[in-house]
Every structure is written in C-alpha cells, then in structure tokens.
C-alpha cells in the first residue's frame, strides 16, 4: 500500500494499536472510520490530521442485517476491499 493513496479506511481492529500508519495511507481530506472498540486508548498522532486535513470518525457497525445489506450493495456495484 502506498502512502497517501486512499480516500477512506474502515478500521475494524478491536485491540490497542497506533493510528499513525493508517493516517499516512490517507490522501489529503481522507477519512479514517473506527468501528472496532478497543478496551484501551489508541495512539493518536495529531500532525497527520492537521497537515493532511484528515478526519477520524467513530461509527457503530450496525446489525447483522445492515452488514448483509452493505455487503450485497458492494457486490452489486463491484466495490472491493483493499
């Protein structure tokens, strides 16, 4: 994976980890959405957010039905993960 090559990342890791490497993969104005719920605080570098105008958001992942609808949508529109 190349630095500054992604518009959006969904972080599903539910254990403590550094967000730095993921933030470096985002383009300017990119977004990192966190859906995993670690029990300990995450390492959170601030400079990639300021200089890269990147955004970190949290989200509840949804029910099994909603996840299936999302997977079906991705399949229908040929949206792939990387």
PDB file of N, CA and C in Angstrom:
ATOM      1  N   UNK A   1       0.848  -1.171   0.000  1.00  0.00           N
ATOM      2  CA  UNK A   1       0.000   0.000   0.000  1.00  0.00           C
ATOM      3  C   UNK A   1       0.893   1.232   0.000  1.00  0.00           C
ATOM      4  N   UNK A   2       0.556   2.197  -0.823  1.00  0.00           N
ATOM      5  CA  UNK A   2       1.346   3.424  -0.943  1.00  0.00           C
ATOM      6  C   UNK A   2       0.825   4.521  -0.020  1.00  0.00           C
ATOM      7  N   UNK A   3       1.735   5.319   0.512  1.00  0.00           N
ATOM      8  CA  UNK A   3       1.348   6.466   1.336  1.00  0.00           C
ATOM      9  C   UNK A   3       0.452   7.410   0.545  1.00  0.00           C
ATOM     10  N   UNK A   4      -0.501   7.989   1.245  1.00  0.00           N
ATOM     11  CA  UNK A   4      -1.410   8.991   0.681  1.00  0.00           C
ATOM     12  C   UNK A   4      -2.116   8.511  -0.580  1.00  0.00           C
ATOM     13  N   UNK A   5      -2.577   7.255  -0.567  1.00  0.00           N
ATOM     14  CA  UNK A   5      -3.218   6.693  -1.762  1.00  0.00           C
ATOM     15  C   UNK A   5      -4.701   6.373  -1.561  1.00  0.00           C
ATOM     16  N   UNK A   6      -5.208   6.464  -0.327  1.00  0.00           N
ATOM     17  CA  UNK A   6      -6.592   6.069  -0.056  1.00  0.00           C
ATOM     18  C   UNK A   6      -7.445   7.255   0.374  1.00  0.00           C
ATOM     19  N   UNK A   7      -8.704   7.223  -0.024  1.00  0.00           N
ATOM     20  CA  UNK A   7      -9.664   8.249   0.386  1.00  0.00           C
ATOM     21  C   UNK A   7     -10.326   7.913   1.714  1.00  0.00           C
ATOM     22  N   UNK A   8     -10.511   6.602   1.986  1.00  0.00           N
ATOM     23  CA  UNK A   8     -11.310   6.168   3.134  1.00  0.00           C
ATOM     24  C   UNK A   8     -10.778   4.840   3.643  1.00  0.00           C
ATOM     25  N   UNK A   9     -10.662   4.711   4.950  1.00  0.00           N
ATOM     26  CA  UNK A   9     -10.254   3.453   5.593  1.00  0.00           C
ATOM     27  C   UNK A   9     -11.256   3.142   6.686  1.00  0.00           C
ATOM     28  N   UNK A  10     -11.697   1.886   6.742  1.00  0.00           N
ATOM     29  CA  UNK A  10     -12.523   1.405   7.854  1.00  0.00           C
ATOM     30  C   UNK A  10     -11.612   0.570   8.744  1.00  0.00           C
ATOM     31  N   UNK A  11     -11.415   1.018   9.966  1.00  0.00           N
ATOM     32  CA  UNK A  11     -10.556   0.345  10.943  1.00  0.00           C
ATOM     33  C   UNK A  11     -11.441  -0.520  11.836  1.00  0.00           C
ATOM     34  N   UNK A  12     -11.299  -1.834  11.714  1.00  0.00           N
ATOM     35  CA  UNK A  12     -12.124  -2.770  12.486  1.00  0.00           C
ATOM     36  C   UNK A  12     -11.336  -3.443  13.608  1.00  0.00           C
ATOM     37  N   UNK A  13     -10.114  -2.996  13.864  1.00  0.00           N
ATOM     38  CA  UNK A  13      -9.265  -3.623  14.884  1.00  0.00           C
ATOM     39  C   UNK A  13      -9.798  -3.284  16.266  1.00  0.00           C
ATOM     40  N   UNK A  14     -10.075  -4.295  17.057  1.00  0.00           N
ATOM     41  CA  UNK A  14     -10.684  -4.060  18.375  1.00  0.00           C
ATOM     42  C   UNK A  14      -9.693  -4.243  19.522  1.00  0.00           C
ATOM     43  N   UNK A  15      -8.419  -4.038  19.244  1.00  0.00           N
ATOM     44  CA  UNK A  15      -7.394  -4.060  20.275  1.00  0.00           C
ATOM     45  C   UNK A  15      -6.544  -2.799  20.135  1.00  0.00           C
ATOM     46  N   UNK A  16      -5.776  -2.460  21.149  1.00  0.00           N
ATOM     47  CA  UNK A  16      -4.961  -1.246  21.111  1.00  0.00           C
ATOM     48  C   UNK A  16      -3.974  -1.303  19.943  1.00  0.00           C
ATOM     49  N   UNK A  17      -3.909  -0.225  19.167  1.00  0.00           N
ATOM     50  CA  UNK A  17      -2.981  -0.115  18.053  1.00  0.00           C
ATOM     51  C   UNK A  17      -2.775   1.358  17.714  1.00  0.00           C
ATOM     52  N   UNK A  18      -1.722   1.633  16.976  1.00  0.00           N
ATOM     53  CA  UNK A  18      -1.415   3.007  16.582  1.00  0.00           C
ATOM     54  C   UNK A  18      -2.187   3.362  15.312  1.00  0.00           C
ATOM     55  N   UNK A  19      -2.762   4.559  15.291  1.00  0.00           N
ATOM     56  CA  UNK A  19      -3.464   5.034  14.101  1.00  0.00           C
ATOM     57  C   UNK A  19      -2.504   5.679  13.099  1.00  0.00           C
ATOM     58  N   UNK A  20      -1.286   5.982  13.515  1.00  0.00           N
ATOM     59  CA  UNK A  20      -0.315   6.663  12.664  1.00  0.00           C
ATOM     60  C   UNK A  20      -0.117   6.036  11.294  1.00  0.00           C
ATOM     61  N   UNK A  21       0.167   4.732  11.222  1.00  0.00           N
ATOM     62  CA  UNK A  21       0.375   4.120   9.910  1.00  0.00           C
ATOM     63  C   UNK A  21      -0.854   4.215   8.995  1.00  0.00           C
ATOM     64  N   UNK A  22      -2.031   4.160   9.571  1.00  0.00           N
ATOM     65  CA  UNK A  22      -3.262   4.251   8.772  1.00  0.00           C
ATOM     66  C   UNK A  22      -3.482   5.686   8.287  1.00  0.00           C
ATOM     67  N   UNK A  23      -3.207   6.662   9.145  1.00  0.00           N
ATOM     68  CA  UNK A  23      -3.365   8.058   8.744  1.00  0.00           C
ATOM     69  C   UNK A  23      -2.428   8.412   7.592  1.00  0.00           C
ATOM     70  N   UNK A  24      -1.243   7.817   7.571  1.00  0.00           N
ATOM     71  CA  UNK A  24      -0.281   8.082   6.496  1.00  0.00           C
ATOM     72  C   UNK A  24      -0.738   7.518   5.157  1.00  0.00           C
ATOM     73  N   UNK A  25      -1.654   6.554   5.161  1.00  0.00           N
ATOM     74  CA  UNK A  25      -2.170   5.988   3.914  1.00  0.00           C
ATOM     75  C   UNK A  25      -3.248   6.857   3.276  1.00  0.00           C
ATOM     76  N   UNK A  26      -3.808   7.786   4.058  1.00  0.00           N
ATOM     77  CA  UNK A  26      -4.911   8.615   3.558  1.00  0.00           C
ATOM     78  C   UNK A  26      -4.427   9.802   2.740  1.00  0.00           C
ATOM     79  N   UNK A  27      -5.167  10.102   1.679  1.00  0.00           N
ATOM     80  CA  UNK A  27      -4.934  11.307   0.895  1.00  0.00           C
ATOM     81  C   UNK A  27      -5.323  12.525   1.725  1.00  0.00           C
ATOM     82  N   UNK A  28      -4.981  13.713   1.231  1.00  0.00           N
ATOM     83  CA  UNK A  28      -5.459  14.945   1.851  1.00  0.00           C
ATOM     84  C   UNK A  28      -6.988  14.895   1.850  1.00  0.00           C
ATOM     85  N   UNK A  29      -7.594  15.276   2.949  1.00  0.00           N
ATOM     86  CA  UNK A  29      -9.045  15.218   3.163  1.00  0.00           C
ATOM     87  C   UNK A  29      -9.588  13.796   3.274  1.00  0.00           C
ATOM     88  N   UNK A  30      -8.719  12.810   3.496  1.00  0.00           N
ATOM     89  CA  UNK A  30      -9.162  11.430   3.675  1.00  0.00           C
ATOM     90  C   UNK A  30      -9.795  11.215   5.035  1.00  0.00           C
ATOM     91  N   UNK A  31     -10.503  10.087   5.173  1.00  0.00           N
ATOM     92  CA  UNK A  31     -11.224   9.776   6.408  1.00  0.00           C
ATOM     93  C   UNK A  31     -10.868   8.380   6.912  1.00  0.00           C
ATOM     94  N   UNK A  32     -10.634   8.271   8.210  1.00  0.00           N
ATOM     95  CA  UNK A  32     -10.448   7.001   8.897  1.00  0.00           C
ATOM     96  C   UNK A  32     -11.667   6.798   9.788  1.00  0.00           C
ATOM     97  N   UNK A  33     -12.442   5.753   9.519  1.00  0.00           N
ATOM     98  CA  UNK A  33     -13.624   5.443  10.327  1.00  0.00           C
ATOM     99  C   UNK A  33     -13.289   4.262  11.239  1.00  0.00           C
ATOM    100  N   UNK A  34     -13.435   4.459  12.542  1.00  0.00           N
ATOM    101  CA  UNK A  34     -13.128   3.423  13.528  1.00  0.00           C
ATOM    102  C   UNK A  34     -14.427   2.753  13.949  1.00  0.00           C
ATOM    103  N   UNK A  35     -14.509   1.435  13.715  1.00  0.00           N
ATOM    104  CA  UNK A  35     -15.698   0.687  14.136  1.00  0.00           C
ATOM    105  C   UNK A  35     -15.355  -0.377  15.174  1.00  0.00           C
ATOM    106  N   UNK A  36     -14.072  -0.685  15.360  1.00  0.00           N
ATOM    107  CA  UNK A  36     -13.661  -1.582  16.435  1.00  0.00           C
ATOM    108  C   UNK A  36     -13.678  -0.808  17.743  1.00  0.00           C
ATOM    109  N   UNK A  37     -13.848  -1.490  18.854  1.00  0.00           N
ATOM    110  CA  UNK A  37     -13.927  -0.809  20.153  1.00  0.00           C
ATOM    111  C   UNK A  37     -12.860  -1.360  21.098  1.00  0.00           C
ATOM    112  N   UNK A  38     -11.629  -0.832  21.014  1.00  0.00           N
ATOM    113  CA  UNK A  38     -10.570  -1.300  21.907  1.00  0.00           C
ATOM    114  C   UNK A  38     -10.869  -0.945  23.360  1.00  0.00           C
ATOM    115  N   UNK A  39     -10.390  -1.775  24.264  1.00  0.00           N
ATOM    116  CA  UNK A  39     -10.630  -1.528  25.687  1.00  0.00           C
ATOM    117  C   UNK A  39      -9.651  -0.502  26.260  1.00  0.00           C
ATOM    118  N   UNK A  40      -8.557  -0.208  25.541  1.00  0.00           N
ATOM    119  CA  UNK A  40      -7.573   0.780  25.982  1.00  0.00           C
ATOM    120  C   UNK A  40      -7.491   1.890  24.936  1.00  0.00           C
ATOM    121  N   UNK A  41      -7.059   3.097  25.337  1.00  0.00           N
ATOM    122  CA  UNK A  41      -6.943   4.215  24.387  1.00  0.00           C
ATOM    123  C   UNK A  41      -5.974   3.908  23.246  1.00  0.00           C
ATOM    124  N   UNK A  42      -6.241   4.499  22.088  1.00  0.00           N
ATOM    125  CA  UNK A  42      -5.389   4.318  20.917  1.00  0.00           C
ATOM    126  C   UNK A  42      -4.315   5.401  20.863  1.00  0.00           C
ATOM    127  N   UNK A  43      -3.163   5.077  20.254  1.00  0.00           N
ATOM    128  CA  UNK A  43      -2.132   6.073  19.983  1.00  0.00           C
ATOM    129  C   UNK A  43      -2.637   6.932  18.833  1.00  0.00           C
ATOM    130  N   UNK A  44      -2.585   8.245  19.020  1.00  0.00           N
ATOM    131  CA  UNK A  44      -3.253   9.139  18.079  1.00  0.00           C
ATOM    132  C   UNK A  44      -2.350  10.315  17.731  1.00  0.00           C
ATOM    133  N   UNK A  45      -1.534  10.215  16.653  1.00  0.00           N
ATOM    134  CA  UNK A  45      -0.681  11.335  16.278  1.00  0.00           C
ATOM    135  C   UNK A  45      -1.507  12.476  15.685  1.00  0.00           C
ATOM    136  N   UNK A  46      -1.218  13.698  16.065  1.00  0.00           N
ATOM    137  CA  UNK A  46      -2.032  14.836  15.646  1.00  0.00           C
ATOM    138  C   UNK A  46      -1.539  15.497  14.353  1.00  0.00           C
ATOM    139  N   UNK A  47      -0.238  15.492  14.083  1.00  0.00           N
ATOM    140  CA  UNK A  47       0.289  16.197  12.915  1.00  0.00           C
ATOM    141  C   UNK A  47      -0.283  15.698  11.580  1.00  0.00           C
ATOM    142  N   UNK A  48      -0.457  14.383  11.366  1.00  0.00           N
ATOM    143  CA  UNK A  48      -1.071  13.953  10.101  1.00  0.00           C
ATOM    144  C   UNK A  48      -2.502  14.488   9.927  1.00  0.00           C
ATOM    145  N   UNK A  49      -3.189  14.728  11.035  1.00  0.00           N
ATOM    146  CA  UNK A  49      -4.544  15.292  10.933  1.00  0.00           C
ATOM    147  C   UNK A  49      -4.486  16.756  10.525  1.00  0.00           C
ATOM    148  N   UNK A  50      -3.589  17.495  11.137  1.00  0.00           N
ATOM    149  CA  UNK A  50      -3.502  18.931  10.870  1.00  0.00           C
ATOM    150  C   UNK A  50      -2.981  19.200   9.461  1.00  0.00           C
ATOM    151  N   UNK A  51      -1.826  18.630   9.127  1.00  0.00           N
ATOM    152  CA  UNK A  51      -1.206  18.933   7.835  1.00  0.00           C
ATOM    153  C   UNK A  51      -1.887  18.219   6.670  1.00  0.00           C
ATOM    154  N   UNK A  52      -2.497  17.074   6.916  1.00  0.00           N
ATOM    155  CA  UNK A  52      -3.153  16.341   5.842  1.00  0.00           C
ATOM    156  C   UNK A  52      -4.641  16.583   5.753  1.00  0.00           C
ATOM    157  N   UNK A  53      -5.169  17.432   6.652  1.00  0.00           N
ATOM    158  CA  UNK A  53      -6.611  17.704   6.697  1.00  0.00           C
ATOM    159  C   UNK A  53      -7.406  16.398   6.701  1.00  0.00           C
ATOM    160  N   UNK A  54      -6.898  15.417   7.435  1.00  0.00           N
ATOM    161  CA  UNK A  54      -7.564  14.117   7.529  1.00  0.00           C
ATOM    162  C   UNK A  54      -8.565  14.134   8.679  1.00  0.00           C
ATOM    163  N   UNK A  55      -9.537  13.232   8.593  1.00  0.00           N
ATOM    164  CA  UNK A  55     -10.600  13.148   9.587  1.00  0.00           C
ATOM    165  C   UNK A  55     -10.630  11.747  10.183  1.00  0.00           C
ATOM    166  N   UNK A  56     -10.832  11.670  11.495  1.00  0.00           N
ATOM    167  CA  UNK A  56     -11.044  10.394  12.180  1.00  0.00           C
ATOM    168  C   UNK A  56     -12.455  10.435  12.753  1.00  0.00           C
ATOM    169  N   UNK A  57     -13.228   9.400  12.431  1.00  0.00           N
ATOM    170  CA  UNK A  57     -14.609   9.320  12.902  1.00  0.00           C
ATOM    171  C   UNK A  57     -14.837   7.968  13.549  1.00  0.00           C
ATOM    172  N   UNK A  58     -15.819   7.914  14.420  1.00  0.00           N
ATOM    173  CA  UNK A  58     -16.245   6.655  15.011  1.00  0.00           C
ATOM    174  C   UNK A  58     -17.620   6.302  14.511  1.00  0.00           C
ATOM    175  N   UNK A  59     -17.916   5.015  14.488  1.00  0.00           N
ATOM    176  CA  UNK A  59     -19.217   4.580  13.999  1.00  0.00           C
ATOM    177  C   UNK A  59     -19.599   3.256  14.643  1.00  0.00           C
ATOM    178  N   UNK A  60     -20.867   3.099  14.887  1.00  0.00           N
ATOM    179  CA  UNK A  60     -21.393   1.804  15.317  1.00  0.00           C
ATOM    180  C   UNK A  60     -21.602   0.994  14.050  1.00  0.00           C
ATOM    181  N   UNK A  61     -21.143  -0.232  14.052  1.00  0.00           N
ATOM    182  CA  UNK A  61     -21.108  -1.023  12.822  1.00  0.00           C
ATOM    183  C   UNK A  61     -22.497  -1.430  12.319  1.00  0.00           C
ATOM    184  N   UNK A  62     -23.461  -1.575  13.181  1.00  0.00           N
ATOM    185  CA  UNK A  62     -24.800  -1.947  12.739  1.00  0.00           C
ATOM    186  C   UNK A  62     -25.125  -3.406  13.010  1.00  0.00           C
ATOM    187  N   UNK A  63     -26.340  -3.764  12.675  1.00  0.00           N
ATOM    188  CA  UNK A  63     -26.808  -5.128  12.914  1.00  0.00           C
ATOM    189  C   UNK A  63     -26.318  -6.071  11.813  1.00  0.00           C
ATOM    190  N   UNK A  64     -26.493  -7.358  12.022  1.00  0.00           N
ATOM    191  CA  UNK A  64     -26.122  -8.347  11.012  1.00  0.00           C
ATOM    192  C   UNK A  64     -26.900  -8.079   9.712  1.00  0.00           C
ATOM    193  N   UNK A  65     -28.163  -7.711   9.824  1.00  0.00           N
ATOM    194  CA  UNK A  65     -28.975  -7.410   8.642  1.00  0.00           C
ATOM    195  C   UNK A  65     -28.386  -6.220   7.869  1.00  0.00           C
ATOM    196  N   UNK A  66     -27.993  -5.161   8.593  1.00  0.00           N
ATOM    197  CA  UNK A  66     -27.419  -3.984   7.933  1.00  0.00           C
ATOM    198  C   UNK A  66     -26.079  -4.304   7.281  1.00  0.00           C
ATOM    199  N   UNK A  67     -25.278  -5.132   7.928  1.00  0.00           N
ATOM    200  CA  UNK A  67     -23.998  -5.542   7.354  1.00  0.00           C
ATOM    201  C   UNK A  67     -24.236  -6.344   6.074  1.00  0.00           C
ATOM    202  N   UNK A  68     -25.225  -7.244   6.087  1.00  0.00           N
ATOM    203  CA  UNK A  68     -25.532  -8.032   4.900  1.00  0.00           C
ATOM    204  C   UNK A  68     -25.997  -7.127   3.759  1.00  0.00           C
ATOM    205  N   UNK A  69     -26.815  -6.120   4.071  1.00  0.00           N
ATOM    206  CA  UNK A  69     -27.272  -5.169   3.045  1.00  0.00           C
ATOM    207  C   UNK A  69     -26.085  -4.426   2.439  1.00  0.00           C
ATOM    208  N   UNK A  70     -25.123  -4.034   3.281  1.00  0.00           N
ATOM    209  CA  UNK A  70     -23.942  -3.345   2.792  1.00  0.00           C
ATOM    210  C   UNK A  70     -23.107  -4.258   1.902  1.00  0.00           C
ATOM    211  N   UNK A  71     -22.937  -5.521   2.306  1.00  0.00           N
ATOM    212  CA  UNK A  71     -22.179  -6.477   1.500  1.00  0.00           C
ATOM    213  C   UNK A  71     -22.866  -6.719   0.159  1.00  0.00           C
ATOM    214  N   UNK A  72     -24.190  -6.844   0.165  1.00  0.00           N
ATOM    215  CA  UNK A  72     -24.941  -7.019  -1.075  1.00  0.00           C
ATOM    216  C   UNK A  72     -24.768  -5.808  -1.993  1.00  0.00           C
ATOM    217  N   UNK A  73     -24.816  -4.604  -1.427  1.00  0.00           N
ATOM    218  CA  UNK A  73     -24.627  -3.369  -2.188  1.00  0.00           C
ATOM    219  C   UNK A  73     -23.235  -3.355  -2.832  1.00  0.00           C
ATOM    220  N   UNK A  74     -22.214  -3.711  -2.043  1.00  0.00           N
ATOM    221  CA  UNK A  74     -20.844  -3.741  -2.566  1.00  0.00           C
ATOM    222  C   UNK A  74     -20.719  -4.748  -3.710  1.00  0.00           C
ATOM    223  N   UNK A  75     -21.335  -5.915  -3.550  1.00  0.00           N
ATOM    224  CA  UNK A  75     -21.297  -6.930  -4.604  1.00  0.00           C
ATOM    225  C   UNK A  75     -21.990  -6.453  -5.869  1.00  0.00           C
ATOM    226  N   UNK A  76     -23.136  -5.824  -5.722  1.00  0.00           N
ATOM    227  CA  UNK A  76     -23.911  -5.334  -6.865  1.00  0.00           C
ATOM    228  C   UNK A  76     -23.152  -4.261  -7.638  1.00  0.00           C
ATOM    229  N   UNK A  77     -22.409  -3.406  -6.921  1.00  0.00           N
ATOM    230  CA  UNK A  77     -21.718  -2.283  -7.558  1.00  0.00           C
ATOM    231  C   UNK A  77     -20.226  -2.513  -7.721  1.00  0.00           C
ATOM    232  N   UNK A  78     -19.791  -3.762  -7.538  1.00  0.00           N
ATOM    233  CA  UNK A  78     -18.379  -4.154  -7.720  1.00  0.00           C
ATOM    234  C   UNK A  78     -17.434  -3.301  -6.868  1.00  0.00           C
ATOM    235  N   UNK A  79     -17.823  -3.046  -5.616  1.00  0.00           N
ATOM    236  CA  UNK A  79     -16.970  -2.320  -4.675  1.00  0.00           C
ATOM    237  C   UNK A  79     -16.136  -3.358  -3.927  1.00  0.00           C
ATOM    238  N   UNK A  80     -14.812  -3.234  -4.023  1.00  0.00           N
ATOM    239  CA  UNK A  80     -13.904  -4.224  -3.454  1.00  0.00           C
ATOM    240  C   UNK A  80     -13.096  -3.633  -2.305  1.00  0.00           C
ATOM    241  N   UNK A  81     -12.644  -4.480  -1.412  1.00  0.00           N
ATOM    242  CA  UNK A  81     -11.766  -4.039  -0.336  1.00  0.00           C
ATOM    243  C   UNK A  81     -10.330  -4.131  -0.796  1.00  0.00           C
ATOM    244  N   UNK A  82      -9.453  -3.441  -0.093  1.00  0.00           N
ATOM    245  CA  UNK A  82      -8.034  -3.452  -0.443  1.00  0.00           C
ATOM    246  C   UNK A  82      -7.222  -3.798   0.779  1.00  0.00           C
TER     247      UNK A  82
END
